C-alpha cells in the first residue's frame, strides 16, 4: 500500500464523499493497482473459480461507488473497506456456486499460515466466512485481523496501521484467531 500517497488518497476520498465526481475519477487510477493486488490475493485462495480478478475489482468499484455515506478516514481505511467488500463478493459467489453443486456440500478446510503464501489453496470460503462471523461476535478485533490478513492479503504492519494497533497485538490476535478458527472449522467438518 506504500505506492499510493496517503495524503492525496485521503483528500480525494473526502472530496468524493462531499459529492465531487472528479475526485472519484482521479482516485481510481491511484488505488487501482492496490485493489488488483487485494483481488489477486482473494482469487488465489479459490481454486477453480471462474470469476476473474478484473471482474472482482469491477464489482468492488460498483459497490464502493455506492458507499458514499462512508466516512472515509484515510487510504488504509479505504483499502480495509475494499478488502471487506471483496470478501463479501467472493463469499456470495462461493455460496451461489456451492448451491449449484449437487448436495451443496463443502469440503475440508485447512486454516494455516501457509494459506497466505501458497498458490495451491483450496479453502472453503463460505466455511471460513461463517467461522469468522462467529469469532466476531466475541472478538471483533481478532476477526478484523483475520479479515485483513487472510482475505485482504495485508502484512502484519499494514494490518496494524489499518486497525491502529501494534504489530505485536496483530500477531497475538492472529495466532489466537487461527487456533480458534481451526478448531471451529474442524468441528464443522466433523459434524458435516
N, C-alpha and C. Protein backbone atom coordinates (compact mmCIF):
# COMPACT_ATOMS: atom_id res chain seq x y z
N UNK A 1 0.82 -1.20 0.00
CA UNK A 1 0.00 0.00 0.00
C UNK A 1 0.86 1.25 0.00
N UNK A 2 2.16 1.10 0.01
CA UNK A 2 3.05 2.24 0.10
C UNK A 2 3.19 2.98 -1.22
N UNK A 3 2.72 2.44 -2.34
CA UNK A 3 2.87 3.07 -3.64
C UNK A 3 1.94 4.27 -3.80
N UNK A 4 0.95 4.39 -2.97
CA UNK A 4 -0.06 5.42 -3.10
C UNK A 4 0.16 6.48 -2.02
N UNK A 5 0.13 7.74 -2.43
CA UNK A 5 0.30 8.84 -1.47
C UNK A 5 -0.88 8.87 -0.50
N UNK A 6 -0.61 8.65 0.79
CA UNK A 6 -1.70 8.63 1.76
C UNK A 6 -2.49 9.94 1.79
N UNK A 7 -1.79 11.04 1.76
CA UNK A 7 -2.46 12.34 1.83
C UNK A 7 -3.36 12.58 0.62
N UNK A 8 -2.84 12.30 -0.57
CA UNK A 8 -3.61 12.53 -1.79
C UNK A 8 -4.87 11.67 -1.81
N UNK A 9 -4.74 10.38 -1.46
CA UNK A 9 -5.89 9.48 -1.45
C UNK A 9 -6.90 9.94 -0.41
N UNK A 10 -6.44 10.31 0.77
CA UNK A 10 -7.34 10.77 1.83
C UNK A 10 -8.12 12.00 1.38
N UNK A 11 -7.44 12.96 0.77
CA UNK A 11 -8.12 14.18 0.30
C UNK A 11 -9.13 13.86 -0.78
N UNK A 12 -8.77 12.98 -1.71
CA UNK A 12 -9.70 12.61 -2.78
C UNK A 12 -10.92 11.86 -2.22
N UNK A 13 -10.71 11.00 -1.24
CA UNK A 13 -11.83 10.29 -0.61
C UNK A 13 -12.80 11.27 0.03
N UNK A 14 -12.25 12.26 0.72
CA UNK A 14 -13.12 13.25 1.39
C UNK A 14 -13.84 14.12 0.37
N UNK A 15 -13.15 14.49 -0.71
CA UNK A 15 -13.80 15.28 -1.76
C UNK A 15 -14.90 14.47 -2.44
N UNK A 16 -14.63 13.19 -2.66
CA UNK A 16 -15.63 12.32 -3.29
C UNK A 16 -16.85 12.21 -2.40
N UNK A 17 -16.64 12.05 -1.11
CA UNK A 17 -17.75 11.95 -0.16
C UNK A 17 -18.63 13.19 -0.20
N UNK A 18 -17.98 14.33 -0.42
CA UNK A 18 -18.73 15.61 -0.48
C UNK A 18 -19.43 15.80 -1.83
N UNK A 19 -19.28 14.81 -2.74
CA UNK A 19 -20.02 14.88 -4.00
C UNK A 19 -19.21 15.26 -5.21
N UNK A 20 -17.91 15.41 -5.09
CA UNK A 20 -17.04 15.77 -6.22
C UNK A 20 -16.77 14.54 -7.06
N UNK A 21 -17.49 14.38 -8.17
CA UNK A 21 -17.32 13.22 -9.04
C UNK A 21 -15.93 13.19 -9.65
N UNK A 22 -15.35 14.34 -9.90
CA UNK A 22 -13.99 14.41 -10.44
C UNK A 22 -12.97 13.79 -9.48
N UNK A 23 -13.25 13.89 -8.18
CA UNK A 23 -12.34 13.29 -7.19
C UNK A 23 -12.31 11.78 -7.36
N UNK A 24 -13.47 11.18 -7.62
CA UNK A 24 -13.53 9.74 -7.86
C UNK A 24 -12.75 9.37 -9.11
N UNK A 25 -12.89 10.19 -10.15
CA UNK A 25 -12.16 9.93 -11.39
C UNK A 25 -10.65 9.99 -11.19
N UNK A 26 -10.19 10.87 -10.31
CA UNK A 26 -8.76 10.98 -10.01
C UNK A 26 -8.30 9.89 -9.03
N UNK A 27 -9.22 9.44 -8.18
CA UNK A 27 -8.90 8.43 -7.17
C UNK A 27 -8.68 7.04 -7.77
N UNK A 28 -9.51 6.66 -8.70
CA UNK A 28 -9.48 5.31 -9.25
C UNK A 28 -8.10 4.92 -9.78
N UNK A 29 -7.44 5.73 -10.59
CA UNK A 29 -6.11 5.31 -11.05
C UNK A 29 -5.10 5.18 -9.90
N UNK A 30 -5.28 5.93 -8.84
CA UNK A 30 -4.34 5.88 -7.71
C UNK A 30 -4.49 4.59 -6.90
N UNK A 31 -5.70 4.05 -6.84
CA UNK A 31 -5.94 2.87 -5.99
C UNK A 31 -6.10 1.58 -6.79
N UNK A 32 -6.16 1.68 -8.11
CA UNK A 32 -6.43 0.51 -8.93
C UNK A 32 -5.41 -0.61 -8.75
N UNK A 33 -4.14 -0.29 -8.71
CA UNK A 33 -3.11 -1.33 -8.57
C UNK A 33 -3.28 -2.10 -7.25
N UNK A 34 -3.53 -1.35 -6.17
CA UNK A 34 -3.70 -1.99 -4.87
C UNK A 34 -4.97 -2.83 -4.82
N UNK A 35 -6.04 -2.35 -5.44
CA UNK A 35 -7.27 -3.14 -5.49
C UNK A 35 -7.06 -4.43 -6.28
N UNK A 36 -6.30 -4.36 -7.35
CA UNK A 36 -5.99 -5.58 -8.10
C UNK A 36 -5.14 -6.53 -7.26
N UNK A 37 -4.22 -6.01 -6.46
CA UNK A 37 -3.41 -6.87 -5.59
C UNK A 37 -4.30 -7.57 -4.56
N UNK A 38 -5.22 -6.80 -3.96
CA UNK A 38 -6.14 -7.39 -3.00
C UNK A 38 -7.00 -8.47 -3.67
N UNK A 39 -7.52 -8.14 -4.85
CA UNK A 39 -8.36 -9.10 -5.58
C UNK A 39 -7.56 -10.35 -5.91
N UNK A 40 -6.33 -10.18 -6.32
CA UNK A 40 -5.49 -11.33 -6.65
C UNK A 40 -5.29 -12.22 -5.42
N UNK A 41 -5.07 -11.60 -4.25
CA UNK A 41 -4.92 -12.38 -3.01
C UNK A 41 -6.16 -13.23 -2.76
N UNK A 42 -7.32 -12.66 -3.00
CA UNK A 42 -8.55 -13.42 -2.84
C UNK A 42 -8.64 -14.56 -3.85
N UNK A 43 -8.34 -14.25 -5.09
CA UNK A 43 -8.56 -15.21 -6.16
C UNK A 43 -7.66 -16.44 -6.04
N UNK A 44 -6.44 -16.29 -5.56
CA UNK A 44 -5.57 -17.45 -5.45
C UNK A 44 -6.04 -18.40 -4.37
N UNK A 45 -6.92 -17.95 -3.50
CA UNK A 45 -7.46 -18.82 -2.45
C UNK A 45 -8.59 -19.70 -2.99
N UNK A 46 -9.17 -19.33 -4.10
CA UNK A 46 -10.32 -20.05 -4.64
C UNK A 46 -9.94 -20.75 -5.92
N UNK A 47 -9.48 -21.99 -5.81
CA UNK A 47 -9.14 -22.77 -6.98
C UNK A 47 -10.42 -23.11 -7.74
N UNK A 48 -10.36 -23.01 -9.04
CA UNK A 48 -11.50 -23.40 -9.86
C UNK A 48 -12.56 -22.31 -9.98
N UNK A 49 -12.31 -21.16 -9.41
CA UNK A 49 -13.28 -20.08 -9.50
C UNK A 49 -13.24 -19.50 -10.91
N UNK A 50 -14.40 -19.21 -11.46
CA UNK A 50 -14.44 -18.68 -12.82
C UNK A 50 -14.46 -17.16 -12.83
N UNK A 51 -14.65 -16.55 -11.70
CA UNK A 51 -14.60 -15.10 -11.59
C UNK A 51 -13.16 -14.65 -11.77
N UNK A 52 -12.94 -13.63 -12.56
CA UNK A 52 -11.59 -13.14 -12.81
C UNK A 52 -11.29 -11.94 -11.92
N UNK A 53 -10.00 -11.70 -11.71
CA UNK A 53 -9.56 -10.60 -10.84
C UNK A 53 -10.17 -9.28 -11.27
N UNK A 54 -10.13 -9.00 -12.55
CA UNK A 54 -10.68 -7.73 -13.05
C UNK A 54 -12.18 -7.64 -12.78
N UNK A 55 -12.89 -8.75 -12.93
CA UNK A 55 -14.33 -8.75 -12.65
C UNK A 55 -14.58 -8.48 -11.17
N UNK A 56 -13.75 -9.05 -10.30
CA UNK A 56 -13.89 -8.80 -8.86
C UNK A 56 -13.64 -7.33 -8.55
N UNK A 57 -12.59 -6.75 -9.13
CA UNK A 57 -12.29 -5.33 -8.91
C UNK A 57 -13.43 -4.47 -9.44
N UNK A 58 -13.94 -4.79 -10.61
CA UNK A 58 -15.04 -4.01 -11.18
C UNK A 58 -16.29 -4.05 -10.29
N UNK A 59 -16.63 -5.24 -9.79
CA UNK A 59 -17.78 -5.36 -8.90
C UNK A 59 -17.53 -4.58 -7.61
N UNK A 60 -16.30 -4.64 -7.12
CA UNK A 60 -15.96 -3.87 -5.91
C UNK A 60 -16.11 -2.37 -6.18
N UNK A 61 -15.65 -1.90 -7.35
CA UNK A 61 -15.83 -0.48 -7.71
C UNK A 61 -17.30 -0.08 -7.64
N UNK A 62 -18.15 -0.91 -8.24
CA UNK A 62 -19.59 -0.61 -8.26
C UNK A 62 -20.12 -0.46 -6.84
N UNK A 63 -19.73 -1.38 -5.97
CA UNK A 63 -20.22 -1.33 -4.58
C UNK A 63 -19.59 -0.18 -3.80
N UNK A 64 -18.34 0.11 -4.07
CA UNK A 64 -17.68 1.21 -3.36
C UNK A 64 -18.25 2.56 -3.78
N UNK A 65 -18.59 2.69 -5.05
CA UNK A 65 -19.18 3.94 -5.53
C UNK A 65 -20.50 4.20 -4.82
N UNK A 66 -21.24 3.13 -4.52
CA UNK A 66 -22.50 3.26 -3.80
C UNK A 66 -22.29 3.51 -2.31
N UNK A 67 -21.06 3.43 -1.84
CA UNK A 67 -20.76 3.59 -0.42
C UNK A 67 -20.37 5.03 -0.08
N UNK A 68 -21.01 5.97 -0.68
CA UNK A 68 -20.67 7.37 -0.49
C UNK A 68 -20.90 7.84 0.95
N UNK A 69 -21.80 7.15 1.66
CA UNK A 69 -22.09 7.54 3.04
C UNK A 69 -20.98 7.18 4.02
N UNK A 70 -20.00 6.39 3.57
CA UNK A 70 -18.89 6.01 4.44
C UNK A 70 -18.06 7.24 4.78
N UNK A 71 -17.71 7.38 6.04
CA UNK A 71 -16.83 8.46 6.49
C UNK A 71 -15.39 8.00 6.30
N UNK A 72 -14.85 8.20 5.10
CA UNK A 72 -13.50 7.75 4.80
C UNK A 72 -12.51 8.49 5.69
N UNK A 73 -11.69 7.71 6.43
CA UNK A 73 -10.68 8.31 7.30
C UNK A 73 -9.40 8.58 6.52
N UNK A 74 -8.96 7.58 5.79
CA UNK A 74 -7.71 7.68 5.04
C UNK A 74 -7.62 6.52 4.07
N UNK A 75 -6.48 6.40 3.39
CA UNK A 75 -6.33 5.35 2.39
C UNK A 75 -6.34 3.95 3.00
N UNK A 76 -5.80 3.79 4.21
CA UNK A 76 -5.81 2.48 4.87
C UNK A 76 -7.25 2.06 5.15
N UNK A 77 -8.06 3.01 5.59
CA UNK A 77 -9.48 2.74 5.83
C UNK A 77 -10.16 2.33 4.52
N UNK A 78 -9.83 3.04 3.45
CA UNK A 78 -10.40 2.72 2.14
C UNK A 78 -10.05 1.29 1.72
N UNK A 79 -8.77 0.91 1.87
CA UNK A 79 -8.37 -0.43 1.47
C UNK A 79 -8.93 -1.49 2.41
N UNK A 80 -9.13 -1.14 3.66
CA UNK A 80 -9.75 -2.06 4.61
C UNK A 80 -11.20 -2.33 4.19
N UNK A 81 -11.93 -1.27 3.87
CA UNK A 81 -13.32 -1.41 3.40
C UNK A 81 -13.34 -2.18 2.08
N UNK A 82 -12.39 -1.89 1.21
CA UNK A 82 -12.31 -2.59 -0.08
C UNK A 82 -12.10 -4.08 0.12
N UNK A 83 -11.23 -4.44 1.06
CA UNK A 83 -11.00 -5.85 1.35
C UNK A 83 -12.28 -6.51 1.83
N UNK A 84 -13.03 -5.81 2.68
CA UNK A 84 -14.30 -6.34 3.17
C UNK A 84 -15.30 -6.51 2.04
N UNK A 85 -15.37 -5.54 1.14
CA UNK A 85 -16.30 -5.62 0.01
C UNK A 85 -15.94 -6.81 -0.87
N UNK A 86 -14.65 -6.99 -1.16
CA UNK A 86 -14.24 -8.12 -1.99
C UNK A 86 -14.53 -9.45 -1.31
N UNK A 87 -14.33 -9.49 0.00
CA UNK A 87 -14.66 -10.71 0.74
C UNK A 87 -16.14 -11.05 0.56
N UNK A 88 -17.00 -10.05 0.71
CA UNK A 88 -18.44 -10.27 0.57
C UNK A 88 -18.79 -10.76 -0.83
N UNK A 89 -18.18 -10.16 -1.85
CA UNK A 89 -18.46 -10.56 -3.23
C UNK A 89 -18.07 -12.02 -3.43
N UNK A 90 -16.89 -12.40 -2.97
CA UNK A 90 -16.43 -13.77 -3.17
C UNK A 90 -17.24 -14.76 -2.36
N UNK A 91 -17.66 -14.38 -1.16
CA UNK A 91 -18.50 -15.28 -0.37
C UNK A 91 -19.84 -15.48 -1.07
N UNK A 92 -20.42 -14.41 -1.60
CA UNK A 92 -21.67 -14.53 -2.35
C UNK A 92 -21.48 -15.45 -3.56
N UNK A 93 -20.37 -15.25 -4.26
CA UNK A 93 -20.05 -16.06 -5.43
C UNK A 93 -19.88 -17.53 -5.03
N UNK A 94 -19.14 -17.76 -3.93
CA UNK A 94 -18.90 -19.14 -3.46
C UNK A 94 -20.21 -19.79 -3.03
N UNK A 95 -21.07 -19.05 -2.36
CA UNK A 95 -22.37 -19.62 -1.94
C UNK A 95 -23.21 -19.97 -3.15
N UNK A 96 -23.23 -19.09 -4.13
CA UNK A 96 -24.01 -19.37 -5.33
C UNK A 96 -23.46 -20.59 -6.06
N UNK A 97 -22.14 -20.67 -6.15
CA UNK A 97 -21.50 -21.80 -6.82
C UNK A 97 -21.76 -23.09 -6.06
N UNK A 98 -21.67 -23.03 -4.74
CA UNK A 98 -21.89 -24.22 -3.91
C UNK A 98 -23.33 -24.68 -3.99
N UNK A 99 -24.27 -23.74 -4.05
CA UNK A 99 -25.68 -24.14 -4.11
C UNK A 99 -26.03 -24.80 -5.43
N UNK A 100 -25.22 -24.55 -6.46
CA UNK A 100 -25.46 -25.19 -7.75
C UNK A 100 -24.94 -26.61 -7.81
N UNK A 101 -23.98 -26.91 -6.94
CA UNK A 101 -23.42 -28.26 -6.92
C UNK A 101 -24.43 -29.22 -6.28
N UNK A 102 -24.37 -30.47 -6.67
CA UNK A 102 -25.25 -31.46 -6.06
C UNK A 102 -25.01 -31.51 -4.56
N UNK A 103 -26.07 -31.42 -3.81
CA UNK A 103 -25.99 -31.54 -2.37
C UNK A 103 -25.44 -30.32 -1.67
N UNK A 104 -24.80 -29.42 -2.38
CA UNK A 104 -24.27 -28.21 -1.77
C UNK A 104 -23.24 -28.47 -0.68
N UNK A 105 -22.61 -29.63 -0.71
CA UNK A 105 -21.65 -29.99 0.32
C UNK A 105 -20.35 -29.24 0.14
N UNK A 106 -19.78 -28.79 1.24
CA UNK A 106 -18.47 -28.16 1.22
C UNK A 106 -17.40 -29.23 1.31
N UNK A 107 -16.17 -28.82 1.46
CA UNK A 107 -15.07 -29.75 1.62
C UNK A 107 -14.22 -29.32 2.79
N UNK A 108 -13.31 -30.19 3.19
CA UNK A 108 -12.47 -29.93 4.35
C UNK A 108 -11.70 -28.63 4.16
N UNK A 109 -11.59 -27.86 5.24
CA UNK A 109 -10.92 -26.58 5.20
C UNK A 109 -9.65 -26.65 6.02
N UNK A 110 -8.56 -26.20 5.46
CA UNK A 110 -7.31 -26.07 6.19
C UNK A 110 -7.09 -24.59 6.43
N UNK A 111 -6.95 -24.19 7.68
CA UNK A 111 -6.66 -22.80 8.00
C UNK A 111 -5.28 -22.76 8.61
N UNK A 112 -4.34 -22.31 7.83
CA UNK A 112 -2.95 -22.39 8.23
C UNK A 112 -2.22 -21.18 7.67
N UNK A 113 -1.11 -20.83 8.27
CA UNK A 113 -0.28 -19.71 7.82
C UNK A 113 0.07 -19.87 6.34
N UNK A 114 0.25 -21.11 5.89
CA UNK A 114 0.63 -21.34 4.50
C UNK A 114 -0.44 -20.87 3.53
N UNK A 115 -1.66 -20.69 4.00
CA UNK A 115 -2.71 -20.19 3.12
C UNK A 115 -2.39 -18.80 2.59
N UNK A 116 -1.55 -18.08 3.30
CA UNK A 116 -1.22 -16.73 2.87
C UNK A 116 -0.21 -16.70 1.74
N UNK A 117 0.54 -17.74 1.55
CA UNK A 117 1.59 -17.69 0.55
C UNK A 117 1.50 -18.77 -0.51
N UNK A 118 0.77 -19.81 -0.27
CA UNK A 118 0.72 -20.94 -1.20
C UNK A 118 -0.31 -20.71 -2.30
N UNK A 119 0.09 -20.88 -3.56
CA UNK A 119 -0.89 -20.74 -4.65
C UNK A 119 -1.80 -21.97 -4.75
N UNK A 120 -1.54 -23.01 -3.99
CA UNK A 120 -2.32 -24.24 -4.05
C UNK A 120 -3.47 -24.25 -3.04
N UNK A 121 -3.99 -23.10 -2.70
CA UNK A 121 -5.05 -23.03 -1.69
C UNK A 121 -6.37 -23.57 -2.20
N UNK A 122 -7.10 -24.16 -1.29
CA UNK A 122 -8.42 -24.67 -1.64
C UNK A 122 -9.34 -24.56 -0.43
N UNK A 123 -9.30 -23.42 0.23
CA UNK A 123 -10.12 -23.23 1.43
C UNK A 123 -11.58 -23.02 1.03
N UNK A 124 -12.48 -23.55 1.83
CA UNK A 124 -13.90 -23.33 1.61
C UNK A 124 -14.23 -21.95 2.16
N UNK A 125 -14.35 -21.00 1.26
CA UNK A 125 -14.55 -19.61 1.63
C UNK A 125 -15.79 -19.40 2.49
N UNK A 126 -16.82 -20.12 2.20
CA UNK A 126 -18.07 -19.96 2.96
C UNK A 126 -17.87 -20.42 4.41
N UNK A 127 -17.22 -21.56 4.61
CA UNK A 127 -16.99 -22.06 5.97
C UNK A 127 -16.09 -21.12 6.75
N UNK A 128 -15.06 -20.59 6.12
CA UNK A 128 -14.18 -19.64 6.79
C UNK A 128 -14.96 -18.38 7.13
N UNK A 129 -15.76 -17.89 6.21
CA UNK A 129 -16.56 -16.69 6.45
C UNK A 129 -17.52 -16.89 7.61
N UNK A 130 -18.19 -18.02 7.65
CA UNK A 130 -19.14 -18.29 8.74
C UNK A 130 -18.43 -18.39 10.08
N UNK A 131 -17.28 -19.05 10.10
CA UNK A 131 -16.50 -19.14 11.34
C UNK A 131 -16.00 -17.76 11.76
N UNK A 132 -15.61 -16.96 10.80
CA UNK A 132 -15.14 -15.60 11.09
C UNK A 132 -16.27 -14.75 11.67
N UNK A 133 -17.46 -14.93 11.18
CA UNK A 133 -18.62 -14.21 11.72
C UNK A 133 -18.86 -14.60 13.18
N UNK A 134 -18.71 -15.90 13.49
CA UNK A 134 -18.87 -16.35 14.89
C UNK A 134 -17.77 -15.75 15.77
N UNK A 135 -16.55 -15.71 15.26
CA UNK A 135 -15.44 -15.11 16.02
C UNK A 135 -15.74 -13.64 16.31
N UNK A 136 -16.28 -12.94 15.34
CA UNK A 136 -16.56 -11.51 15.50
C UNK A 136 -17.58 -11.22 16.60
N UNK A 137 -18.41 -12.20 16.94
CA UNK A 137 -19.42 -11.96 17.98
C UNK A 137 -18.80 -11.75 19.35
N UNK A 138 -17.59 -12.28 19.57
CA UNK A 138 -16.96 -12.08 20.87
C UNK A 138 -15.56 -11.47 20.79
N UNK A 139 -14.96 -11.39 19.60
CA UNK A 139 -13.66 -10.74 19.46
C UNK A 139 -13.58 -10.06 18.10
N UNK A 140 -14.18 -8.90 18.04
CA UNK A 140 -14.29 -8.14 16.79
C UNK A 140 -12.90 -7.81 16.21
N UNK A 141 -11.97 -7.42 17.07
CA UNK A 141 -10.65 -7.03 16.58
C UNK A 141 -9.92 -8.22 15.96
N UNK A 142 -9.95 -9.37 16.62
CA UNK A 142 -9.30 -10.56 16.08
C UNK A 142 -9.92 -10.95 14.74
N UNK A 143 -11.23 -10.84 14.64
CA UNK A 143 -11.90 -11.15 13.37
C UNK A 143 -11.45 -10.19 12.27
N UNK A 144 -11.28 -8.94 12.63
CA UNK A 144 -10.83 -7.94 11.66
C UNK A 144 -9.38 -8.22 11.24
N UNK A 145 -8.55 -8.64 12.18
CA UNK A 145 -7.16 -9.02 11.86
C UNK A 145 -7.16 -10.14 10.83
N UNK A 146 -7.98 -11.17 11.06
CA UNK A 146 -8.06 -12.28 10.12
C UNK A 146 -8.57 -11.80 8.77
N UNK A 147 -9.59 -10.98 8.77
CA UNK A 147 -10.13 -10.48 7.51
C UNK A 147 -9.07 -9.74 6.71
N UNK A 148 -8.34 -8.86 7.37
CA UNK A 148 -7.34 -8.07 6.67
C UNK A 148 -6.15 -8.91 6.21
N UNK A 149 -5.73 -9.87 7.04
CA UNK A 149 -4.56 -10.69 6.68
C UNK A 149 -4.95 -11.80 5.71
N UNK A 150 -5.97 -12.58 6.05
CA UNK A 150 -6.32 -13.74 5.25
C UNK A 150 -7.04 -13.34 3.97
N UNK A 151 -8.05 -12.50 4.09
CA UNK A 151 -8.83 -12.11 2.93
C UNK A 151 -8.22 -10.94 2.18
N UNK A 152 -7.62 -10.00 2.90
CA UNK A 152 -7.07 -8.81 2.26
C UNK A 152 -5.63 -8.92 1.85
N UNK A 153 -4.94 -9.94 2.35
CA UNK A 153 -3.55 -10.12 1.99
C UNK A 153 -2.62 -9.05 2.57
N UNK A 154 -3.07 -8.34 3.61
CA UNK A 154 -2.26 -7.30 4.20
C UNK A 154 -1.17 -7.92 5.08
N UNK A 155 -0.05 -7.23 5.15
CA UNK A 155 1.04 -7.66 6.02
C UNK A 155 0.67 -7.34 7.47
N UNK A 156 1.50 -7.82 8.40
CA UNK A 156 1.30 -7.50 9.81
C UNK A 156 1.34 -5.99 10.00
N UNK A 157 2.31 -5.34 9.38
CA UNK A 157 2.46 -3.89 9.53
C UNK A 157 1.26 -3.13 8.96
N UNK A 158 0.79 -3.54 7.78
CA UNK A 158 -0.37 -2.88 7.17
C UNK A 158 -1.62 -3.09 8.01
N UNK A 159 -1.78 -4.29 8.55
CA UNK A 159 -2.93 -4.58 9.41
C UNK A 159 -2.88 -3.73 10.67
N UNK A 160 -1.70 -3.62 11.27
CA UNK A 160 -1.53 -2.78 12.47
C UNK A 160 -1.90 -1.33 12.15
N UNK A 161 -1.45 -0.83 11.01
CA UNK A 161 -1.76 0.54 10.60
C UNK A 161 -3.26 0.72 10.40
N UNK A 162 -3.88 -0.25 9.72
CA UNK A 162 -5.31 -0.16 9.44
C UNK A 162 -6.15 -0.14 10.71
N UNK A 163 -5.72 -0.90 11.72
CA UNK A 163 -6.51 -1.03 12.95
C UNK A 163 -6.03 -0.10 14.07
N UNK A 164 -4.90 0.57 13.85
CA UNK A 164 -4.38 1.47 14.88
C UNK A 164 -3.88 0.74 16.11
N UNK A 165 -3.27 -0.43 15.89
CA UNK A 165 -2.73 -1.24 17.00
C UNK A 165 -1.28 -1.59 16.67
N UNK A 166 -0.59 -2.17 17.62
CA UNK A 166 0.81 -2.53 17.41
C UNK A 166 0.94 -3.81 16.60
N UNK A 167 2.13 -4.00 16.02
CA UNK A 167 2.42 -5.23 15.30
C UNK A 167 2.30 -6.44 16.22
N UNK A 168 2.76 -6.29 17.47
CA UNK A 168 2.67 -7.39 18.44
C UNK A 168 1.22 -7.78 18.71
N UNK A 169 0.35 -6.79 18.82
CA UNK A 169 -1.07 -7.07 19.05
C UNK A 169 -1.67 -7.79 17.85
N UNK A 170 -1.28 -7.37 16.64
CA UNK A 170 -1.75 -8.06 15.44
C UNK A 170 -1.32 -9.52 15.48
N UNK A 171 -0.07 -9.77 15.79
CA UNK A 171 0.43 -11.14 15.83
C UNK A 171 -0.26 -11.97 16.91
N UNK A 172 -0.50 -11.37 18.06
CA UNK A 172 -1.19 -12.09 19.14
C UNK A 172 -2.62 -12.43 18.71
N UNK A 173 -3.34 -11.45 18.18
CA UNK A 173 -4.71 -11.70 17.70
C UNK A 173 -4.72 -12.72 16.57
N UNK A 174 -3.75 -12.62 15.67
CA UNK A 174 -3.65 -13.53 14.53
C UNK A 174 -3.46 -14.97 15.01
N UNK A 175 -2.54 -15.18 15.94
CA UNK A 175 -2.27 -16.52 16.45
C UNK A 175 -3.49 -17.10 17.18
N UNK A 176 -4.09 -16.30 18.05
CA UNK A 176 -5.26 -16.78 18.78
C UNK A 176 -6.43 -17.07 17.84
N UNK A 177 -6.64 -16.18 16.89
CA UNK A 177 -7.75 -16.37 15.94
C UNK A 177 -7.54 -17.60 15.08
N UNK A 178 -6.31 -17.84 14.66
CA UNK A 178 -6.03 -19.03 13.84
C UNK A 178 -6.36 -20.31 14.60
N UNK A 179 -5.95 -20.37 15.86
CA UNK A 179 -6.24 -21.56 16.67
C UNK A 179 -7.74 -21.73 16.83
N UNK A 180 -8.44 -20.65 17.17
CA UNK A 180 -9.88 -20.71 17.36
C UNK A 180 -10.59 -21.12 16.06
N UNK A 181 -10.21 -20.48 14.94
CA UNK A 181 -10.85 -20.78 13.67
C UNK A 181 -10.56 -22.22 13.21
N UNK A 182 -9.35 -22.67 13.41
CA UNK A 182 -9.03 -24.04 13.04
C UNK A 182 -9.91 -25.02 13.82
N UNK A 183 -10.07 -24.76 15.11
CA UNK A 183 -10.94 -25.62 15.93
C UNK A 183 -12.38 -25.57 15.42
N UNK A 184 -12.86 -24.39 15.10
CA UNK A 184 -14.23 -24.25 14.58
C UNK A 184 -14.40 -24.97 13.25
N UNK A 185 -13.43 -24.82 12.37
CA UNK A 185 -13.53 -25.45 11.05
C UNK A 185 -13.47 -26.97 11.17
N UNK A 186 -12.64 -27.48 12.06
CA UNK A 186 -12.59 -28.93 12.29
C UNK A 186 -13.89 -29.43 12.89
N UNK A 187 -14.46 -28.66 13.81
CA UNK A 187 -15.74 -29.03 14.41
C UNK A 187 -16.82 -29.09 13.33
N UNK A 188 -16.84 -28.10 12.45
CA UNK A 188 -17.81 -28.09 11.35
C UNK A 188 -17.60 -29.25 10.40
N UNK A 189 -16.34 -29.60 10.15
CA UNK A 189 -16.02 -30.72 9.26
C UNK A 189 -16.47 -32.04 9.89
N UNK A 190 -16.30 -32.17 11.21
CA UNK A 190 -16.69 -33.40 11.91
C UNK A 190 -18.20 -33.56 11.95
N UNK A 191 -18.93 -32.44 12.05
CA UNK A 191 -20.39 -32.54 12.11
C UNK A 191 -21.03 -32.67 10.73
N UNK A 192 -20.27 -32.31 9.67
CA UNK A 192 -20.82 -32.34 8.33
C UNK A 192 -20.58 -33.60 7.69
